[in-house]
Amino acid sequence: MKISARELGKIQVLDCDGPMRTGDSGPSLREMVHELLEQGHRKFLLNMAKVPWLDSGGIGEVVASGVSVRKAEGELKLLLSSRARDIFTTAQLAQVLDIHDSEESAVASFVI
């Protein structure tokens, strides 16, 4: 999976592309979030619209990133593909994560 970061005002958008699974090479989502938190960023939109599938390790990366952001008194919003949304709903995580249908609605939901 590839992850690229871009700024949208005060929001760090992390665009994910490809399957998110255990053992993927390259920087992990958790590492990227940790680095951005160290730089002082506190608002994150995880754009997973191009993630067709994720395994338990991928779910763990998202949850761990969310925990890190919350501990730093930040906000993490998710934009999911329909398949990823199904996985998060089945895992009963849709109730505890802030999931949105569009980038616009996610951005509008941040407290700025």
PDB file of N, CA and C in Angstrom:
ATOM      1  N   MET A   1       0.834  -1.169   0.000  1.00  0.00           N
ATOM      2  CA  MET A   1       0.000   0.000   0.000  1.00  0.00           C
ATOM      3  C   MET A   1       0.887   1.243   0.000  1.00  0.00           C
ATOM      4  N   LYS A   2       0.460   2.236  -0.717  1.00  0.00           N
ATOM      5  CA  LYS A   2       1.155   3.521  -0.741  1.00  0.00           C
ATOM      6  C   LYS A   2       0.386   4.509   0.131  1.00  0.00           C
ATOM      7  N   ILE A   3       1.128   5.347   0.871  1.00  0.00           N
ATOM      8  CA  ILE A   3       0.519   6.406   1.671  1.00  0.00           C
ATOM      9  C   ILE A   3       1.209   7.705   1.306  1.00  0.00           C
ATOM     10  N   SER A   4       0.416   8.697   0.941  1.00  0.00           N
ATOM     11  CA  SER A   4       0.971  10.025   0.678  1.00  0.00           C
ATOM     12  C   SER A   4       0.237  11.030   1.554  1.00  0.00           C
ATOM     13  N   ALA A   5       0.970  12.045   1.984  1.00  0.00           N
ATOM     14  CA  ALA A   5       0.398  13.062   2.869  1.00  0.00           C
ATOM     15  C   ALA A   5       0.274  14.378   2.121  1.00  0.00           C
ATOM     16  N   ARG A   6      -0.809  15.089   2.412  1.00  0.00           N
ATOM     17  CA  ARG A   6      -1.013  16.427   1.868  1.00  0.00           C
ATOM     18  C   ARG A   6      -1.719  17.257   2.917  1.00  0.00           C
ATOM     19  N   GLU A   7      -1.521  18.569   2.839  1.00  0.00           N
ATOM     20  CA  GLU A   7      -2.168  19.464   3.791  1.00  0.00           C
ATOM     21  C   GLU A   7      -3.392  20.096   3.143  1.00  0.00           C
ATOM     22  N   LEU A   8      -4.435  20.182   3.918  1.00  0.00           N
ATOM     23  CA  LEU A   8      -5.657  20.858   3.503  1.00  0.00           C
ATOM     24  C   LEU A   8      -6.002  21.798   4.646  1.00  0.00           C
ATOM     25  N   GLY A   9      -5.442  23.020   4.585  1.00  0.00           N
ATOM     26  CA  GLY A   9      -5.560  23.937   5.708  1.00  0.00           C
ATOM     27  C   GLY A   9      -4.775  23.380   6.877  1.00  0.00           C
ATOM     28  N   LYS A  10      -5.435  23.197   8.013  1.00  0.00           N
ATOM     29  CA  LYS A  10      -4.786  22.644   9.212  1.00  0.00           C
ATOM     30  C   LYS A  10      -4.928  21.128   9.299  1.00  0.00           C
ATOM     31  N   ILE A  11      -5.501  20.530   8.275  1.00  0.00           N
ATOM     32  CA  ILE A  11      -5.779  19.097   8.283  1.00  0.00           C
ATOM     33  C   ILE A  11      -4.719  18.355   7.465  1.00  0.00           C
ATOM     34  N   GLN A  12      -4.194  17.283   8.041  1.00  0.00           N
ATOM     35  CA  GLN A  12      -3.271  16.409   7.336  1.00  0.00           C
ATOM     36  C   GLN A  12      -4.099  15.289   6.704  1.00  0.00           C
ATOM     37  N   VAL A  13      -4.107  15.237   5.382  1.00  0.00           N
ATOM     38  CA  VAL A  13      -4.837  14.188   4.674  1.00  0.00           C
ATOM     39  C   VAL A  13      -3.829  13.112   4.290  1.00  0.00           C
ATOM     40  N   LEU A  14      -4.085  11.903   4.738  1.00  0.00           N
ATOM     41  CA  LEU A  14      -3.244  10.763   4.395  1.00  0.00           C
ATOM     42  C   LEU A  14      -4.000   9.912   3.387  1.00  0.00           C
ATOM     43  N   ASP A  15      -3.551   9.974   2.134  1.00  0.00           N
ATOM     44  CA  ASP A  15      -4.194   9.232   1.050  1.00  0.00           C
ATOM     45  C   ASP A  15      -3.568   7.850   0.952  1.00  0.00           C
ATOM     46  N   CYS A  16      -4.387   6.819   1.140  1.00  0.00           N
ATOM     47  CA  CYS A  16      -3.927   5.431   1.087  1.00  0.00           C
ATOM     48  C   CYS A  16      -4.412   4.805  -0.213  1.00  0.00           C
ATOM     49  N   ASP A  17      -3.525   4.045  -0.845  1.00  0.00           N
ATOM     50  CA  ASP A  17      -3.863   3.431  -2.135  1.00  0.00           C
ATOM     51  C   ASP A  17      -3.371   1.986  -2.146  1.00  0.00           C
ATOM     52  N   GLY A  18      -4.296   1.062  -2.295  1.00  0.00           N
ATOM     53  CA  GLY A  18      -3.960  -0.355  -2.351  1.00  0.00           C
ATOM     54  C   GLY A  18      -4.401  -1.092  -1.102  1.00  0.00           C
ATOM     55  N   PRO A  19      -4.280  -2.413  -1.117  1.00  0.00           N
ATOM     56  CA  PRO A  19      -4.672  -3.210   0.039  1.00  0.00           C
ATOM     57  C   PRO A  19      -3.816  -2.873   1.258  1.00  0.00           C
ATOM     58  N   MET A  20      -4.413  -2.873   2.420  1.00  0.00           N
ATOM     59  CA  MET A  20      -3.705  -2.597   3.673  1.00  0.00           C
ATOM     60  C   MET A  20      -3.643  -3.908   4.428  1.00  0.00           C
ATOM     61  N   ARG A  21      -2.425  -4.455   4.504  1.00  0.00           N
ATOM     62  CA  ARG A  21      -2.303  -5.775   5.127  1.00  0.00           C
ATOM     63  C   ARG A  21      -1.009  -5.905   5.913  1.00  0.00           C
ATOM     64  N   THR A  22      -0.983  -6.878   6.779  1.00  0.00           N
ATOM     65  CA  THR A  22       0.176  -7.171   7.601  1.00  0.00           C
ATOM     66  C   THR A  22       1.377  -7.460   6.709  1.00  0.00           C
ATOM     67  N   GLY A  23       2.525  -6.890   7.070  1.00  0.00           N
ATOM     68  CA  GLY A  23       3.745  -7.182   6.344  1.00  0.00           C
ATOM     69  C   GLY A  23       3.999  -6.307   5.135  1.00  0.00           C
ATOM     70  N   ASP A  24       3.157  -5.304   4.889  1.00  0.00           N
ATOM     71  CA  ASP A  24       3.414  -4.403   3.769  1.00  0.00           C
ATOM     72  C   ASP A  24       4.739  -3.690   3.989  1.00  0.00           C
ATOM     73  N   SER A  25       5.481  -3.510   2.918  1.00  0.00           N
ATOM     74  CA  SER A  25       6.744  -2.780   3.037  1.00  0.00           C
ATOM     75  C   SER A  25       6.469  -1.281   2.983  1.00  0.00           C
ATOM     76  N   GLY A  26       7.453  -0.502   3.367  1.00  0.00           N
ATOM     77  CA  GLY A  26       7.293   0.946   3.387  1.00  0.00           C
ATOM     78  C   GLY A  26       6.829   1.413   4.744  1.00  0.00           C
ATOM     79  N   PRO A  27       6.735   2.732   4.903  1.00  0.00           N
ATOM     80  CA  PRO A  27       6.332   3.262   6.209  1.00  0.00           C
ATOM     81  C   PRO A  27       4.899   2.860   6.539  1.00  0.00           C
ATOM     82  N   SER A  28       4.675   2.534   7.804  1.00  0.00           N
ATOM     83  CA  SER A  28       3.330   2.162   8.212  1.00  0.00           C
ATOM     84  C   SER A  28       2.509   3.422   8.492  1.00  0.00           C
ATOM     85  N   LEU A  29       1.227   3.254   8.475  1.00  0.00           N
ATOM     86  CA  LEU A  29       0.316   4.347   8.799  1.00  0.00           C
ATOM     87  C   LEU A  29       0.624   4.870  10.196  1.00  0.00           C
ATOM     88  N   ARG A  30       0.825   3.977  11.122  1.00  0.00           N
ATOM     89  CA  ARG A  30       1.113   4.344  12.508  1.00  0.00           C
ATOM     90  C   ARG A  30       2.374   5.208  12.592  1.00  0.00           C
ATOM     91  N   GLU A  31       3.418   4.841  11.840  1.00  0.00           N
ATOM     92  CA  GLU A  31       4.657   5.620  11.833  1.00  0.00           C
ATOM     93  C   GLU A  31       4.448   7.014  11.262  1.00  0.00           C
ATOM     94  N   MET A  32       3.684   7.090  10.181  1.00  0.00           N
ATOM     95  CA  MET A  32       3.425   8.403   9.577  1.00  0.00           C
ATOM     96  C   MET A  32       2.650   9.305  10.523  1.00  0.00           C
ATOM     97  N   VAL A  33       1.628   8.749  11.165  1.00  0.00           N
ATOM     98  CA  VAL A  33       0.827   9.535  12.106  1.00  0.00           C
ATOM     99  C   VAL A  33       1.695   9.988  13.271  1.00  0.00           C
ATOM    100  N   HIS A  34       2.517   9.094  13.792  1.00  0.00           N
ATOM    101  CA  HIS A  34       3.392   9.439  14.914  1.00  0.00           C
ATOM    102  C   HIS A  34       4.335  10.588  14.530  1.00  0.00           C
ATOM    103  N   GLU A  35       4.919  10.507  13.360  1.00  0.00           N
ATOM    104  CA  GLU A  35       5.824  11.559  12.889  1.00  0.00           C
ATOM    105  C   GLU A  35       5.098  12.901  12.761  1.00  0.00           C
ATOM    106  N   LEU A  36       3.896  12.883  12.215  1.00  0.00           N
ATOM    107  CA  LEU A  36       3.120  14.120  12.059  1.00  0.00           C
ATOM    108  C   LEU A  36       2.686  14.679  13.413  1.00  0.00           C
ATOM    109  N   LEU A  37       2.360  13.795  14.354  1.00  0.00           N
ATOM    110  CA  LEU A  37       2.030  14.251  15.705  1.00  0.00           C
ATOM    111  C   LEU A  37       3.239  14.931  16.343  1.00  0.00           C
ATOM    112  N   GLU A  38       4.416  14.358  16.153  1.00  0.00           N
ATOM    113  CA  GLU A  38       5.634  14.969  16.698  1.00  0.00           C
ATOM    114  C   GLU A  38       5.891  16.352  16.103  1.00  0.00           C
ATOM    115  N   GLN A  39       5.439  16.563  14.874  1.00  0.00           N
ATOM    116  CA  GLN A  39       5.589  17.861  14.214  1.00  0.00           C
ATOM    117  C   GLN A  39       4.531  18.863  14.675  1.00  0.00           C
ATOM    118  N   GLY A  40       3.598  18.408  15.503  1.00  0.00           N
ATOM    119  CA  GLY A  40       2.590  19.304  16.053  1.00  0.00           C
ATOM    120  C   GLY A  40       1.229  19.260  15.389  1.00  0.00           C
ATOM    121  N   HIS A  41       1.050  18.385  14.414  1.00  0.00           N
ATOM    122  CA  HIS A  41      -0.245  18.273  13.742  1.00  0.00           C
ATOM    123  C   HIS A  41      -1.225  17.503  14.631  1.00  0.00           C
ATOM    124  N   ARG A  42      -2.500  17.905  14.598  1.00  0.00           N
ATOM    125  CA  ARG A  42      -3.499  17.260  15.452  1.00  0.00           C
ATOM    126  C   ARG A  42      -4.790  16.891  14.721  1.00  0.00           C
ATOM    127  N   LYS A  43      -4.918  17.265  13.458  1.00  0.00           N
ATOM    128  CA  LYS A  43      -6.136  16.970  12.700  1.00  0.00           C
ATOM    129  C   LYS A  43      -5.764  16.102  11.500  1.00  0.00           C
ATOM    130  N   PHE A  44      -6.389  14.914  11.433  1.00  0.00           N
ATOM    131  CA  PHE A  44      -6.038  13.946  10.410  1.00  0.00           C
ATOM    132  C   PHE A  44      -7.289  13.423   9.704  1.00  0.00           C
ATOM    133  N   LEU A  45      -7.194  13.331   8.387  1.00  0.00           N
ATOM    134  CA  LEU A  45      -8.210  12.651   7.591  1.00  0.00           C
ATOM    135  C   LEU A  45      -7.512  11.486   6.917  1.00  0.00           C
ATOM    136  N   LEU A  46      -7.933  10.299   7.238  1.00  0.00           N
ATOM    137  CA  LEU A  46      -7.381   9.094   6.629  1.00  0.00           C
ATOM    138  C   LEU A  46      -8.282   8.731   5.452  1.00  0.00           C
ATOM    139  N   ASN A  47      -7.778   9.013   4.243  1.00  0.00           N
ATOM    140  CA  ASN A  47      -8.538   8.768   3.025  1.00  0.00           C
ATOM    141  C   ASN A  47      -8.231   7.361   2.527  1.00  0.00           C
ATOM    142  N   MET A  48      -9.148   6.450   2.805  1.00  0.00           N
ATOM    143  CA  MET A  48      -8.990   5.057   2.400  1.00  0.00           C
ATOM    144  C   MET A  48      -9.952   4.691   1.277  1.00  0.00           C
ATOM    145  N   ALA A  49     -10.352   5.689   0.491  1.00  0.00           N
ATOM    146  CA  ALA A  49     -11.289   5.456  -0.606  1.00  0.00           C
ATOM    147  C   ALA A  49     -10.711   4.510  -1.654  1.00  0.00           C
ATOM    148  N   LYS A  50      -9.380   4.425  -1.754  1.00  0.00           N
ATOM    149  CA  LYS A  50      -8.729   3.539  -2.728  1.00  0.00           C
ATOM    150  C   LYS A  50      -8.126   2.292  -2.073  1.00  0.00           C
ATOM    151  N   VAL A  51      -8.640   1.953  -0.891  1.00  0.00           N
ATOM    152  CA  VAL A  51      -8.205   0.730  -0.213  1.00  0.00           C
ATOM    153  C   VAL A  51      -9.302  -0.315  -0.428  1.00  0.00           C
ATOM    154  N   PRO A  52      -9.059  -1.262  -1.341  1.00  0.00           N
ATOM    155  CA  PRO A  52     -10.108  -2.233  -1.652  1.00  0.00           C
ATOM    156  C   PRO A  52     -10.279  -3.318  -0.591  1.00  0.00           C
ATOM    157  N   TRP A  53      -9.239  -3.496   0.233  1.00  0.00           N
ATOM    158  CA  TRP A  53      -9.274  -4.596   1.197  1.00  0.00           C
ATOM    159  C   TRP A  53      -8.263  -4.341   2.301  1.00  0.00           C
ATOM    160  N   LEU A  54      -8.557  -4.792   3.520  1.00  0.00           N
ATOM    161  CA  LEU A  54      -7.581  -4.738   4.598  1.00  0.00           C
ATOM    162  C   LEU A  54      -7.777  -5.934   5.502  1.00  0.00           C
ATOM    163  N   ASP A  55      -6.663  -6.387   6.083  1.00  0.00           N
ATOM    164  CA  ASP A  55      -6.729  -7.523   6.997  1.00  0.00           C
ATOM    165  C   ASP A  55      -6.686  -7.014   8.435  1.00  0.00           C
ATOM    166  N   SER A  56      -6.578  -7.933   9.381  1.00  0.00           N
ATOM    167  CA  SER A  56      -6.597  -7.537  10.788  1.00  0.00           C
ATOM    168  C   SER A  56      -5.428  -6.620  11.127  1.00  0.00           C
ATOM    169  N   GLY A  57      -4.287  -6.811  10.473  1.00  0.00           N
ATOM    170  CA  GLY A  57      -3.147  -5.923  10.696  1.00  0.00           C
ATOM    171  C   GLY A  57      -3.436  -4.517  10.212  1.00  0.00           C
ATOM    172  N   GLY A  58      -4.128  -4.398   9.087  1.00  0.00           N
ATOM    173  CA  GLY A  58      -4.526  -3.087   8.574  1.00  0.00           C
ATOM    174  C   GLY A  58      -5.519  -2.405   9.497  1.00  0.00           C
ATOM    175  N   ILE A  59      -6.480  -3.164   9.999  1.00  0.00           N
ATOM    176  CA  ILE A  59      -7.437  -2.621  10.969  1.00  0.00           C
ATOM    177  C   ILE A  59      -6.687  -2.148  12.208  1.00  0.00           C
ATOM    178  N   GLY A  60      -5.731  -2.957  12.652  1.00  0.00           N
ATOM    179  CA  GLY A  60      -4.930  -2.585  13.817  1.00  0.00           C
ATOM    180  C   GLY A  60      -4.169  -1.288  13.607  1.00  0.00           C
ATOM    181  N   GLU A  61      -3.643  -1.066  12.410  1.00  0.00           N
ATOM    182  CA  GLU A  61      -2.928   0.179  12.092  1.00  0.00           C
ATOM    183  C   GLU A  61      -3.868   1.379  12.229  1.00  0.00           C
ATOM    184  N   VAL A  62      -5.070   1.249  11.716  1.00  0.00           N
ATOM    185  CA  VAL A  62      -6.044   2.347  11.783  1.00  0.00           C
ATOM    186  C   VAL A  62      -6.432   2.621  13.233  1.00  0.00           C
ATOM    187  N   VAL A  63      -6.745   1.572  13.975  1.00  0.00           N
ATOM    188  CA  VAL A  63      -7.158   1.740  15.370  1.00  0.00           C
ATOM    189  C   VAL A  63      -6.011   2.322  16.200  1.00  0.00           C
ATOM    190  N   ALA A  64      -4.796   1.808  16.041  1.00  0.00           N
ATOM    191  CA  ALA A  64      -3.647   2.315  16.795  1.00  0.00           C
ATOM    192  C   ALA A  64      -3.379   3.786  16.452  1.00  0.00           C
ATOM    193  N   SER A  65      -3.529   4.143  15.189  1.00  0.00           N
ATOM    194  CA  SER A  65      -3.347   5.541  14.789  1.00  0.00           C
ATOM    195  C   SER A  65      -4.389   6.425  15.453  1.00  0.00           C
ATOM    196  N   GLY A  66      -5.631   5.945  15.490  1.00  0.00           N
ATOM    197  CA  GLY A  66      -6.695   6.698  16.145  1.00  0.00           C
ATOM    198  C   GLY A  66      -6.441   6.893  17.625  1.00  0.00           C
ATOM    199  N   VAL A  67      -5.932   5.855  18.288  1.00  0.00           N
ATOM    200  CA  VAL A  67      -5.617   5.945  19.717  1.00  0.00           C
ATOM    201  C   VAL A  67      -4.511   6.972  19.937  1.00  0.00           C
ATOM    202  N   SER A  68      -3.469   6.939  19.115  1.00  0.00           N
ATOM    203  CA  SER A  68      -2.366   7.900  19.244  1.00  0.00           C
ATOM    204  C   SER A  68      -2.852   9.330  19.069  1.00  0.00           C
ATOM    205  N   VAL A  69      -3.708   9.545  18.084  1.00  0.00           N
ATOM    206  CA  VAL A  69      -4.230  10.890  17.828  1.00  0.00           C
ATOM    207  C   VAL A  69      -5.083  11.353  19.006  1.00  0.00           C
ATOM    208  N   ARG A  70      -5.936  10.484  19.529  1.00  0.00           N
ATOM    209  CA  ARG A  70      -6.775  10.856  20.674  1.00  0.00           C
ATOM    210  C   ARG A  70      -5.948  11.182  21.903  1.00  0.00           C
ATOM    211  N   LYS A  71      -4.902  10.391  22.150  1.00  0.00           N
ATOM    212  CA  LYS A  71      -4.028  10.655  23.293  1.00  0.00           C
ATOM    213  C   LYS A  71      -3.346  12.013  23.170  1.00  0.00           C
ATOM    214  N   ALA A  72      -3.117  12.448  21.941  1.00  0.00           N
ATOM    215  CA  ALA A  72      -2.486  13.751  21.699  1.00  0.00           C
ATOM    216  C   ALA A  72      -3.535  14.862  21.611  1.00  0.00           C
ATOM    217  N   GLU A  73      -4.786  14.524  21.981  1.00  0.00           N
ATOM    218  CA  GLU A  73      -5.907  15.465  21.951  1.00  0.00           C
ATOM    219  C   GLU A  73      -6.190  15.982  20.553  1.00  0.00           C
ATOM    220  N   GLY A  74      -6.066  15.076  19.575  1.00  0.00           N
ATOM    221  CA  GLY A  74      -6.336  15.417  18.189  1.00  0.00           C
ATOM    222  C   GLY A  74      -7.605  14.749  17.694  1.00  0.00           C
ATOM    223  N   GLU A  75      -7.834  14.874  16.389  1.00  0.00           N
ATOM    224  CA  GLU A  75      -9.013  14.292  15.752  1.00  0.00           C
ATOM    225  C   GLU A  75      -8.578  13.464  14.552  1.00  0.00           C
ATOM    226  N   LEU A  76      -9.197  12.300  14.375  1.00  0.00           N
ATOM    227  CA  LEU A  76      -8.961  11.450  13.214  1.00  0.00           C
ATOM    228  C   LEU A  76     -10.304  11.115  12.588  1.00  0.00           C
ATOM    229  N   LYS A  77     -10.436  11.410  11.306  1.00  0.00           N
ATOM    230  CA  LYS A  77     -11.648  11.094  10.549  1.00  0.00           C
ATOM    231  C   LYS A  77     -11.264  10.098   9.460  1.00  0.00           C
ATOM    232  N   LEU A  78     -12.206   9.271   9.057  1.00  0.00           N
ATOM    233  CA  LEU A  78     -11.963   8.266   8.023  1.00  0.00           C
ATOM    234  C   LEU A  78     -12.880   8.469   6.834  1.00  0.00           C
ATOM    235  N   LEU A  79     -12.321   8.306   5.655  1.00  0.00           N
ATOM    236  CA  LEU A  79     -13.074   8.230   4.409  1.00  0.00           C
ATOM    237  C   LEU A  79     -12.776   6.845   3.855  1.00  0.00           C
ATOM    238  N   LEU A  80     -13.795   5.984   3.755  1.00  0.00           N
ATOM    239  CA  LEU A  80     -13.583   4.578   3.425  1.00  0.00           C
ATOM    240  C   LEU A  80     -14.214   4.182   2.102  1.00  0.00           C
ATOM    241  N   SER A  81     -13.583   3.193   1.443  1.00  0.00           N
ATOM    242  CA  SER A  81     -14.221   2.545   0.301  1.00  0.00           C
ATOM    243  C   SER A  81     -15.408   1.746   0.849  1.00  0.00           C
ATOM    244  N   SER A  82     -16.309   1.343  -0.013  1.00  0.00           N
ATOM    245  CA  SER A  82     -17.475   0.596   0.470  1.00  0.00           C
ATOM    246  C   SER A  82     -17.044  -0.733   1.090  1.00  0.00           C
ATOM    247  N   ARG A  83     -16.026  -1.375   0.528  1.00  0.00           N
ATOM    248  CA  ARG A  83     -15.557  -2.650   1.083  1.00  0.00           C
ATOM    249  C   ARG A  83     -14.923  -2.434   2.456  1.00  0.00           C
ATOM    250  N   ALA A  84     -14.091  -1.403   2.586  1.00  0.00           N
ATOM    251  CA  ALA A  84     -13.474  -1.116   3.885  1.00  0.00           C
ATOM    252  C   ALA A  84     -14.543  -0.761   4.912  1.00  0.00           C
ATOM    253  N   ARG A  85     -15.556  -0.023   4.496  1.00  0.00           N
ATOM    254  CA  ARG A  85     -16.657   0.317   5.407  1.00  0.00           C
ATOM    255  C   ARG A  85     -17.348  -0.957   5.899  1.00  0.00           C
ATOM    256  N   ASP A  86     -17.570  -1.906   4.995  1.00  0.00           N
ATOM    257  CA  ASP A  86     -18.186  -3.180   5.382  1.00  0.00           C
ATOM    258  C   ASP A  86     -17.334  -3.911   6.431  1.00  0.00           C
ATOM    259  N   ILE A  87     -16.014  -3.888   6.222  1.00  0.00           N
ATOM    260  CA  ILE A  87     -15.106  -4.563   7.153  1.00  0.00           C
ATOM    261  C   ILE A  87     -15.161  -3.893   8.524  1.00  0.00           C
ATOM    262  N   PHE A  88     -15.130  -2.557   8.559  1.00  0.00           N
ATOM    263  CA  PHE A  88     -15.183  -1.847   9.832  1.00  0.00           C
ATOM    264  C   PHE A  88     -16.536  -2.037  10.521  1.00  0.00           C
ATOM    265  N   THR A  89     -17.596  -2.130   9.744  1.00  0.00           N
ATOM    266  CA  THR A  89     -18.924  -2.358  10.320  1.00  0.00           C
ATOM    267  C   THR A  89     -19.011  -3.762  10.903  1.00  0.00           C
ATOM    268  N   THR A  90     -18.521  -4.755  10.167  1.00  0.00           N
ATOM    269  CA  THR A  90     -18.528  -6.139  10.644  1.00  0.00           C
ATOM    270  C   THR A  90     -17.709  -6.274  11.926  1.00  0.00           C
ATOM    271  N   ALA A  91     -16.583  -5.545  11.994  1.00  0.00           N
ATOM    272  CA  ALA A  91     -15.728  -5.594  13.180  1.00  0.00           C
ATOM    273  C   ALA A  91     -16.267  -4.722  14.313  1.00  0.00           C
ATOM    274  N   GLN A  92     -17.425  -4.135  14.109  1.00  0.00           N
ATOM    275  CA  GLN A  92     -18.097  -3.261  15.079  1.00  0.00           C
ATOM    276  C   GLN A  92     -17.241  -2.062  15.478  1.00  0.00           C
ATOM    277  N   LEU A  93     -16.488  -1.547  14.519  1.00  0.00           N
ATOM    278  CA  LEU A  93     -15.662  -0.367  14.767  1.00  0.00           C
ATOM    279  C   LEU A  93     -16.289   0.901  14.193  1.00  0.00           C
ATOM    280  N   ALA A  94     -17.332   0.735  13.389  1.00  0.00           N
ATOM    281  CA  ALA A  94     -17.977   1.894  12.790  1.00  0.00           C
ATOM    282  C   ALA A  94     -18.614   2.793  13.850  1.00  0.00           C
ATOM    283  N   GLN A  95     -18.939   2.219  15.008  1.00  0.00           N
ATOM    284  CA  GLN A  95     -19.564   3.001  16.070  1.00  0.00           C
ATOM    285  C   GLN A  95     -18.555   3.847  16.845  1.00  0.00           C
ATOM    286  N   VAL A  96     -17.275   3.464  16.831  1.00  0.00           N
ATOM    287  CA  VAL A  96     -16.278   4.182  17.623  1.00  0.00           C
ATOM    288  C   VAL A  96     -15.333   5.026  16.775  1.00  0.00           C
ATOM    289  N   LEU A  97     -15.383   4.870  15.460  1.00  0.00           N
ATOM    290  CA  LEU A  97     -14.553   5.670  14.569  1.00  0.00           C
ATOM    291  C   LEU A  97     -15.418   6.679  13.835  1.00  0.00           C
ATOM    292  N   ASP A  98     -14.851   7.818  13.504  1.00  0.00           N
ATOM    293  CA  ASP A  98     -15.585   8.893  12.829  1.00  0.00           C
ATOM    294  C   ASP A  98     -15.454   8.696  11.320  1.00  0.00           C
ATOM    295  N   ILE A  99     -16.448   8.030  10.717  1.00  0.00           N
ATOM    296  CA  ILE A  99     -16.420   7.645   9.306  1.00  0.00           C
ATOM    297  C   ILE A  99     -17.312   8.575   8.496  1.00  0.00           C
ATOM    298  N   HIS A 100     -16.796   8.991   7.324  1.00  0.00           N
ATOM    299  CA  HIS A 100     -17.528   9.912   6.444  1.00  0.00           C
ATOM    300  C   HIS A 100     -17.617   9.352   5.031  1.00  0.00           C
ATOM    301  N   ASP A 101     -18.606   9.863   4.284  1.00  0.00           N
ATOM    302  CA  ASP A 101     -18.844   9.404   2.914  1.00  0.00           C
ATOM    303  C   ASP A 101     -18.089  10.215   1.872  1.00  0.00           C
ATOM    304  N   SER A 102     -17.616  11.407   2.238  1.00  0.00           N
ATOM    305  CA  SER A 102     -16.896  12.249   1.279  1.00  0.00           C
ATOM    306  C   SER A 102     -15.827  13.058   2.004  1.00  0.00           C
ATOM    307  N   GLU A 103     -14.843  13.490   1.250  1.00  0.00           N
ATOM    308  CA  GLU A 103     -13.794  14.320   1.828  1.00  0.00           C
ATOM    309  C   GLU A 103     -14.381  15.630   2.340  1.00  0.00           C
ATOM    310  N   GLU A 104     -15.344  16.163   1.615  1.00  0.00           N
ATOM    311  CA  GLU A 104     -15.964  17.430   2.001  1.00  0.00           C
ATOM    312  C   GLU A 104     -16.663  17.322   3.353  1.00  0.00           C
ATOM    313  N   SER A 105     -17.425  16.244   3.563  1.00  0.00           N
ATOM    314  CA  SER A 105     -18.131  16.109   4.840  1.00  0.00           C
ATOM    315  C   SER A 105     -17.150  15.860   5.983  1.00  0.00           C
ATOM    316  N   ALA A 106     -16.080  15.121   5.718  1.00  0.00           N
ATOM    317  CA  ALA A 106     -15.078  14.880   6.763  1.00  0.00           C
ATOM    318  C   ALA A 106     -14.391  16.178   7.158  1.00  0.00           C
ATOM    319  N   VAL A 107     -13.973  16.962   6.161  1.00  0.00           N
ATOM    320  CA  VAL A 107     -13.300  18.235   6.435  1.00  0.00           C
ATOM    321  C   VAL A 107     -14.221  19.174   7.203  1.00  0.00           C
ATOM    322  N   ALA A 108     -15.491  19.226   6.812  1.00  0.00           N
ATOM    323  CA  ALA A 108     -16.449  20.108   7.476  1.00  0.00           C
ATOM    324  C   ALA A 108     -16.706  19.702   8.923  1.00  0.00           C
ATOM    325  N   SER A 109     -16.449  18.440   9.276  1.00  0.00           N
ATOM    326  CA  SER A 109     -16.735  17.976  10.630  1.00  0.00           C
ATOM    327  C   SER A 109     -15.637  18.301  11.645  1.00  0.00           C
ATOM    328  N   PHE A 110     -14.475  18.751  11.181  1.00  0.00           N
ATOM    329  CA  PHE A 110     -13.390  19.090  12.104  1.00  0.00           C
ATOM    330  C   PHE A 110     -13.714  20.337  12.895  1.00  0.00           C
ATOM    331  N   VAL A 111     -13.293  20.345  14.160  1.00  0.00           N
ATOM    332  CA  VAL A 111     -13.403  21.535  14.985  1.00  0.00           C
ATOM    333  C   VAL A 111     -12.161  22.374  14.678  1.00  0.00           C
ATOM    334  N   ILE A 112     -12.393  23.529  14.076  1.00  0.00           N
ATOM    335  CA  ILE A 112     -11.242  24.362  13.674  1.00  0.00           C
ATOM    336  C   ILE A 112     -11.229  25.661  14.434  1.00  0.00           C
TER     337      ILE A 112
END
